[in-house]
Every structure is written in structure tokens, then in C-alpha cells.
Amino acid sequence: MGDWAGVVIGLVLSVVLSPGLFFQLPGKGRPVDFFNFQTSGISIFVHSLLFFAFMVIFLIAINVQISRG
């Protein structure tokens, strides 16, 4: 009940991996676009896979825990 790692890591990853905010995989004309504030269906799918992979790595493989107290 006191483990905040999932919430904090999920929040940070959702901001960082928002398609088009910092980068977009794949871009419109290039493999990677930076700061274009646009998105496509395939980039949403790729960023969702990256989000899931990083969540699994941080929460299950590394077992990051943030506890109160």
C-alpha cells in the first residue's frame, strides 16, 4: 500500500514517452523526429510498447520501490 514506485515511474514515463512531445518514433519523413508535436497511429503503438517495456524493466526486473517512512 505504501509503494509509490509504479505511480512515479508511470507518470515520468508517460510524460517522456508522449509521441511528439520530445521525440517521435517513427517520424513522418525520418526514423526519429524531435519536438514536432504531431503523432500517428504507428508512433502511438511504438511508444506504448516502449512504455510497457520500461515499466516491466523498472518494476519487475530491477524491483524499484519507493516507500514512505
PDB file of N, CA and C in Angstrom:
ATOM      1  N   MET A   1       0.813  -1.183   0.000  1.00  0.00           N
ATOM      2  CA  MET A   1       0.000   0.000   0.000  1.00  0.00           C
ATOM      3  C   MET A   1       0.864   1.257   0.000  1.00  0.00           C
ATOM      4  N   GLY A   2       2.060   1.177   0.541  1.00  0.00           N
ATOM      5  CA  GLY A   2       2.912   2.347   0.630  1.00  0.00           C
ATOM      6  C   GLY A   2       3.952   2.443  -0.473  1.00  0.00           C
ATOM      7  N   ASP A   3       3.881   1.599  -1.490  1.00  0.00           N
ATOM      8  CA  ASP A   3       4.859   1.608  -2.564  1.00  0.00           C
ATOM      9  C   ASP A   3       4.396   2.547  -3.675  1.00  0.00           C
ATOM     10  N   TRP A   4       5.126   3.633  -3.884  1.00  0.00           N
ATOM     11  CA  TRP A   4       4.773   4.648  -4.866  1.00  0.00           C
ATOM     12  C   TRP A   4       5.585   4.524  -6.156  1.00  0.00           C
ATOM     13  N   ALA A   5       6.378   3.496  -6.310  1.00  0.00           N
ATOM     14  CA  ALA A   5       7.249   3.374  -7.478  1.00  0.00           C
ATOM     15  C   ALA A   5       6.446   3.284  -8.777  1.00  0.00           C
ATOM     16  N   GLY A   6       5.374   2.519  -8.789  1.00  0.00           N
ATOM     17  CA  GLY A   6       4.581   2.381 -10.001  1.00  0.00           C
ATOM     18  C   GLY A   6       3.954   3.685 -10.442  1.00  0.00           C
ATOM     19  N   VAL A   7       3.487   4.455  -9.487  1.00  0.00           N
ATOM     20  CA  VAL A   7       2.853   5.739  -9.805  1.00  0.00           C
ATOM     21  C   VAL A   7       3.882   6.732 -10.332  1.00  0.00           C
ATOM     22  N   VAL A   8       4.999   6.861  -9.640  1.00  0.00           N
ATOM     23  CA  VAL A   8       6.019   7.840 -10.027  1.00  0.00           C
ATOM     24  C   VAL A   8       6.655   7.467 -11.361  1.00  0.00           C
ATOM     25  N   ILE A   9       7.035   6.215 -11.526  1.00  0.00           N
ATOM     26  CA  ILE A   9       7.665   5.777 -12.766  1.00  0.00           C
ATOM     27  C   ILE A   9       6.677   5.869 -13.922  1.00  0.00           C
ATOM     28  N   GLY A  10       5.430   5.497 -13.706  1.00  0.00           N
ATOM     29  CA  GLY A  10       4.422   5.607 -14.752  1.00  0.00           C
ATOM     30  C   GLY A  10       4.184   7.044 -15.175  1.00  0.00           C
ATOM     31  N   LEU A  11       4.143   7.961 -14.222  1.00  0.00           N
ATOM     32  CA  LEU A  11       3.957   9.376 -14.535  1.00  0.00           C
ATOM     33  C   LEU A  11       5.121   9.927 -15.347  1.00  0.00           C
ATOM     34  N   VAL A  12       6.335   9.643 -14.919  1.00  0.00           N
ATOM     35  CA  VAL A  12       7.514  10.147 -15.626  1.00  0.00           C
ATOM     36  C   VAL A  12       7.599   9.548 -17.032  1.00  0.00           C
ATOM     37  N   LEU A  13       7.375   8.263 -17.148  1.00  0.00           N
ATOM     38  CA  LEU A  13       7.439   7.626 -18.467  1.00  0.00           C
ATOM     39  C   LEU A  13       6.338   8.116 -19.396  1.00  0.00           C
ATOM     40  N   SER A  14       5.148   8.372 -18.872  1.00  0.00           N
ATOM     41  CA  SER A  14       4.068   8.841 -19.742  1.00  0.00           C
ATOM     42  C   SER A  14       4.356  10.235 -20.279  1.00  0.00           C
ATOM     43  N   VAL A  15       5.013  11.072 -19.479  1.00  0.00           N
ATOM     44  CA  VAL A  15       5.387  12.401 -19.972  1.00  0.00           C
ATOM     45  C   VAL A  15       6.526  12.307 -20.972  1.00  0.00           C
ATOM     46  N   VAL A  16       7.553  11.550 -20.643  1.00  0.00           N
ATOM     47  CA  VAL A  16       8.729  11.449 -21.513  1.00  0.00           C
ATOM     48  C   VAL A  16       8.397  10.726 -22.821  1.00  0.00           C
ATOM     49  N   LEU A  17       7.562   9.706 -22.760  1.00  0.00           N
ATOM     50  CA  LEU A  17       7.271   8.897 -23.950  1.00  0.00           C
ATOM     51  C   LEU A  17       6.005   9.323 -24.680  1.00  0.00           C
ATOM     52  N   SER A  18       5.494  10.515 -24.426  1.00  0.00           N
ATOM     53  CA  SER A  18       4.351  11.004 -25.197  1.00  0.00           C
ATOM     54  C   SER A  18       4.811  11.248 -26.632  1.00  0.00           C
ATOM     55  N   PRO A  19       4.170  10.611 -27.618  1.00  0.00           N
ATOM     56  CA  PRO A  19       4.629  10.773 -29.005  1.00  0.00           C
ATOM     57  C   PRO A  19       4.553  12.225 -29.458  1.00  0.00           C
ATOM     58  N   GLY A  20       5.661  12.722 -29.961  1.00  0.00           N
ATOM     59  CA  GLY A  20       5.718  14.070 -30.488  1.00  0.00           C
ATOM     60  C   GLY A  20       6.126  15.123 -29.483  1.00  0.00           C
ATOM     61  N   LEU A  21       6.110  14.817 -28.195  1.00  0.00           N
ATOM     62  CA  LEU A  21       6.476  15.822 -27.199  1.00  0.00           C
ATOM     63  C   LEU A  21       7.986  16.076 -27.223  1.00  0.00           C
ATOM     64  N   PHE A  22       8.785  15.065 -26.969  1.00  0.00           N
ATOM     65  CA  PHE A  22      10.235  15.190 -27.060  1.00  0.00           C
ATOM     66  C   PHE A  22      10.764  14.553 -28.338  1.00  0.00           C
ATOM     67  N   PHE A  23      10.262  13.365 -28.651  1.00  0.00           N
ATOM     68  CA  PHE A  23      10.673  12.676 -29.869  1.00  0.00           C
ATOM     69  C   PHE A  23       9.525  11.804 -30.346  1.00  0.00           C
ATOM     70  N   GLN A  24       9.619  11.375 -31.601  1.00  0.00           N
ATOM     71  CA  GLN A  24       8.592  10.509 -32.171  1.00  0.00           C
ATOM     72  C   GLN A  24       9.270   9.414 -32.972  1.00  0.00           C
ATOM     73  N   LEU A  25       8.955   8.181 -32.654  1.00  0.00           N
ATOM     74  CA  LEU A  25       9.444   7.002 -33.371  1.00  0.00           C
ATOM     75  C   LEU A  25       8.266   6.324 -34.031  1.00  0.00           C
ATOM     76  N   PRO A  26       8.186   6.042 -35.261  1.00  0.00           N
ATOM     77  CA  PRO A  26       8.920   6.649 -36.367  1.00  0.00           C
ATOM     78  C   PRO A  26       8.358   8.030 -36.683  1.00  0.00           C
ATOM     79  N   GLY A  27       9.197   8.875 -37.246  1.00  0.00           N
ATOM     80  CA  GLY A  27       8.779  10.223 -37.615  1.00  0.00           C
ATOM     81  C   GLY A  27       8.046  10.215 -38.954  1.00  0.00           C
ATOM     82  N   LYS A  28       7.663  11.383 -39.410  1.00  0.00           N
ATOM     83  CA  LYS A  28       6.946  11.471 -40.684  1.00  0.00           C
ATOM     84  C   LYS A  28       7.853  11.155 -41.858  1.00  0.00           C
ATOM     85  N   GLY A  29       8.996  11.827 -41.953  1.00  0.00           N
ATOM     86  CA  GLY A  29       9.902  11.605 -43.073  1.00  0.00           C
ATOM     87  C   GLY A  29      11.195  10.940 -42.680  1.00  0.00           C
ATOM     88  N   ARG A  30      11.442  10.845 -41.383  1.00  0.00           N
ATOM     89  CA  ARG A  30      12.686  10.287 -40.870  1.00  0.00           C
ATOM     90  C   ARG A  30      12.378   9.231 -39.817  1.00  0.00           C
ATOM     91  N   PRO A  31      13.365   8.428 -39.466  1.00  0.00           N
ATOM     92  CA  PRO A  31      13.106   7.430 -38.423  1.00  0.00           C
ATOM     93  C   PRO A  31      12.775   8.046 -37.064  1.00  0.00           C
ATOM     94  N   VAL A  32      13.381   9.203 -36.742  1.00  0.00           N
ATOM     95  CA  VAL A  32      13.124   9.881 -35.470  1.00  0.00           C
ATOM     96  C   VAL A  32      12.925  11.362 -35.742  1.00  0.00           C
ATOM     97  N   ASP A  33      11.836  11.929 -35.232  1.00  0.00           N
ATOM     98  CA  ASP A  33      11.591  13.365 -35.279  1.00  0.00           C
ATOM     99  C   ASP A  33      11.632  13.900 -33.848  1.00  0.00           C
ATOM    100  N   PHE A  34      12.143  15.108 -33.684  1.00  0.00           N
ATOM    101  CA  PHE A  34      12.243  15.725 -32.369  1.00  0.00           C
ATOM    102  C   PHE A  34      11.363  16.964 -32.294  1.00  0.00           C
ATOM    103  N   PHE A  35      10.588  17.086 -31.221  1.00  0.00           N
ATOM    104  CA  PHE A  35       9.775  18.264 -30.900  1.00  0.00           C
ATOM    105  C   PHE A  35       8.866  18.685 -32.047  1.00  0.00           C
ATOM    106  N   ASN A  36       8.140  17.744 -32.664  1.00  0.00           N
ATOM    107  CA  ASN A  36       7.267  18.115 -33.776  1.00  0.00           C
ATOM    108  C   ASN A  36       5.805  18.255 -33.365  1.00  0.00           C
ATOM    109  N   PHE A  37       5.414  17.815 -32.169  1.00  0.00           N
ATOM    110  CA  PHE A  37       4.056  17.936 -31.614  1.00  0.00           C
ATOM    111  C   PHE A  37       2.988  17.342 -32.535  1.00  0.00           C
ATOM    112  N   GLN A  38       3.342  16.327 -33.299  1.00  0.00           N
ATOM    113  CA  GLN A  38       2.393  15.597 -34.138  1.00  0.00           C
ATOM    114  C   GLN A  38       2.545  14.117 -33.813  1.00  0.00           C
ATOM    115  N   THR A  39       1.554  13.331 -34.216  1.00  0.00           N
ATOM    116  CA  THR A  39       1.625  11.905 -33.917  1.00  0.00           C
ATOM    117  C   THR A  39       0.915  11.117 -35.011  1.00  0.00           C
ATOM    118  N   SER A  40       1.123   9.832 -35.006  1.00  0.00           N
ATOM    119  CA  SER A  40       0.447   8.927 -35.932  1.00  0.00           C
ATOM    120  C   SER A  40       0.117   7.642 -35.177  1.00  0.00           C
ATOM    121  N   GLY A  41      -0.662   6.801 -35.802  1.00  0.00           N
ATOM    122  CA  GLY A  41      -1.059   5.556 -35.153  1.00  0.00           C
ATOM    123  C   GLY A  41       0.111   4.640 -34.864  1.00  0.00           C
ATOM    124  N   ILE A  42       1.026   4.519 -35.809  1.00  0.00           N
ATOM    125  CA  ILE A  42       2.175   3.635 -35.607  1.00  0.00           C
ATOM    126  C   ILE A  42       3.102   4.179 -34.514  1.00  0.00           C
ATOM    127  N   SER A  43       3.237   5.503 -34.410  1.00  0.00           N
ATOM    128  CA  SER A  43       4.086   6.058 -33.350  1.00  0.00           C
ATOM    129  C   SER A  43       3.439   5.862 -31.982  1.00  0.00           C
ATOM    130  N   ILE A  44       2.120   5.944 -31.893  1.00  0.00           N
ATOM    131  CA  ILE A  44       1.434   5.655 -30.631  1.00  0.00           C
ATOM    132  C   ILE A  44       1.681   4.210 -30.219  1.00  0.00           C
ATOM    133  N   PHE A  45       1.622   3.295 -31.177  1.00  0.00           N
ATOM    134  CA  PHE A  45       1.867   1.875 -30.902  1.00  0.00           C
ATOM    135  C   PHE A  45       3.305   1.649 -30.436  1.00  0.00           C
ATOM    136  N   VAL A  46       4.275   2.259 -31.115  1.00  0.00           N
ATOM    137  CA  VAL A  46       5.688   2.085 -30.751  1.00  0.00           C
ATOM    138  C   VAL A  46       5.961   2.660 -29.365  1.00  0.00           C
ATOM    139  N   HIS A  47       5.419   3.843 -29.076  1.00  0.00           N
ATOM    140  CA  HIS A  47       5.633   4.450 -27.767  1.00  0.00           C
ATOM    141  C   HIS A  47       4.922   3.666 -26.664  1.00  0.00           C
ATOM    142  N   SER A  48       3.792   3.033 -26.974  1.00  0.00           N
ATOM    143  CA  SER A  48       3.114   2.179 -25.988  1.00  0.00           C
ATOM    144  C   SER A  48       3.953   0.949 -25.669  1.00  0.00           C
ATOM    145  N   LEU A  49       4.567   0.355 -26.688  1.00  0.00           N
ATOM    146  CA  LEU A  49       5.460  -0.785 -26.453  1.00  0.00           C
ATOM    147  C   LEU A  49       6.672  -0.373 -25.624  1.00  0.00           C
ATOM    148  N   LEU A  50       7.237   0.800 -25.907  1.00  0.00           N
ATOM    149  CA  LEU A  50       8.365   1.290 -25.120  1.00  0.00           C
ATOM    150  C   LEU A  50       7.961   1.537 -23.666  1.00  0.00           C
ATOM    151  N   PHE A  51       6.778   2.135 -23.460  1.00  0.00           N
ATOM    152  CA  PHE A  51       6.278   2.384 -22.113  1.00  0.00           C
ATOM    153  C   PHE A  51       6.137   1.073 -21.340  1.00  0.00           C
ATOM    154  N   PHE A  52       5.517   0.070 -21.967  1.00  0.00           N
ATOM    155  CA  PHE A  52       5.339  -1.229 -21.318  1.00  0.00           C
ATOM    156  C   PHE A  52       6.686  -1.873 -20.996  1.00  0.00           C
ATOM    157  N   ALA A  53       7.625  -1.808 -21.942  1.00  0.00           N
ATOM    158  CA  ALA A  53       8.939  -2.421 -21.722  1.00  0.00           C
ATOM    159  C   ALA A  53       9.680  -1.760 -20.567  1.00  0.00           C
ATOM    160  N   PHE A  54       9.657  -0.427 -20.517  1.00  0.00           N
ATOM    161  CA  PHE A  54      10.341   0.268 -19.426  1.00  0.00           C
ATOM    162  C   PHE A  54       9.657   0.028 -18.081  1.00  0.00           C
ATOM    163  N   MET A  55       8.344  -0.042 -18.063  1.00  0.00           N
ATOM    164  CA  MET A  55       7.636  -0.345 -16.810  1.00  0.00           C
ATOM    165  C   MET A  55       8.011  -1.733 -16.302  1.00  0.00           C
ATOM    166  N   VAL A  56       8.061  -2.707 -17.199  1.00  0.00           N
ATOM    167  CA  VAL A  56       8.442  -4.068 -16.811  1.00  0.00           C
ATOM    168  C   VAL A  56       9.873  -4.084 -16.285  1.00  0.00           C
ATOM    169  N   ILE A  57      10.771  -3.388 -16.974  1.00  0.00           N
ATOM    170  CA  ILE A  57      12.168  -3.372 -16.547  1.00  0.00           C
ATOM    171  C   ILE A  57      12.310  -2.744 -15.162  1.00  0.00           C
ATOM    172  N   PHE A  58      11.676  -1.577 -14.953  1.00  0.00           N
ATOM    173  CA  PHE A  58      11.844  -0.885 -13.677  1.00  0.00           C
ATOM    174  C   PHE A  58      11.116  -1.574 -12.526  1.00  0.00           C
ATOM    175  N   LEU A  59       9.906  -2.069 -12.759  1.00  0.00           N
ATOM    176  CA  LEU A  59       9.111  -2.588 -11.643  1.00  0.00           C
ATOM    177  C   LEU A  59       9.319  -4.068 -11.372  1.00  0.00           C
ATOM    178  N   ILE A  60       9.584  -4.856 -12.411  1.00  0.00           N
ATOM    179  CA  ILE A  60       9.713  -6.302 -12.205  1.00  0.00           C
ATOM    180  C   ILE A  60      11.171  -6.750 -12.217  1.00  0.00           C
ATOM    181  N   ALA A  61      11.922  -6.358 -13.247  1.00  0.00           N
ATOM    182  CA  ALA A  61      13.295  -6.844 -13.362  1.00  0.00           C
ATOM    183  C   ALA A  61      14.216  -6.204 -12.322  1.00  0.00           C
ATOM    184  N   ILE A  62      14.138  -4.886 -12.157  1.00  0.00           N
ATOM    185  CA  ILE A  62      15.011  -4.193 -11.216  1.00  0.00           C
ATOM    186  C   ILE A  62      14.386  -4.124  -9.821  1.00  0.00           C
ATOM    187  N   ASN A  63      13.052  -4.198  -9.740  1.00  0.00           N
ATOM    188  CA  ASN A  63      12.298  -4.164  -8.488  1.00  0.00           C
ATOM    189  C   ASN A  63      12.513  -2.850  -7.747  1.00  0.00           C
ATOM    190  N   VAL A  64      12.272  -1.735  -8.433  1.00  0.00           N
ATOM    191  CA  VAL A  64      12.375  -0.414  -7.820  1.00  0.00           C
ATOM    192  C   VAL A  64      11.207  -0.228  -6.857  1.00  0.00           C
ATOM    193  N   GLN A  65      11.506   0.287  -5.669  1.00  0.00           N
ATOM    194  CA  GLN A  65      10.472   0.537  -4.670  1.00  0.00           C
ATOM    195  C   GLN A  65      10.678   1.916  -4.047  1.00  0.00           C
ATOM    196  N   ILE A  66       9.591   2.662  -3.912  1.00  0.00           N
ATOM    197  CA  ILE A  66       9.613   3.956  -3.256  1.00  0.00           C
ATOM    198  C   ILE A  66       8.582   3.877  -2.126  1.00  0.00           C
ATOM    199  N   SER A  67       9.049   3.877  -0.900  1.00  0.00           N
ATOM    200  CA  SER A  67       8.155   3.718   0.246  1.00  0.00           C
ATOM    201  C   SER A  67       8.180   4.963   1.116  1.00  0.00           C
ATOM    202  N   ARG A  68       7.063   5.203   1.761  1.00  0.00           N
ATOM    203  CA  ARG A  68       7.000   6.296   2.733  1.00  0.00           C
ATOM    204  C   ARG A  68       7.575   5.828   4.058  1.00  0.00           C
ATOM    205  N   GLY A  69       8.216   6.751   4.721  1.00  0.00           N
ATOM    206  CA  GLY A  69       8.611   6.481   6.079  1.00  0.00           C
ATOM    207  C   GLY A  69       9.975   5.982   6.233  1.00  0.00           C
TER     208      GLY A  69
END
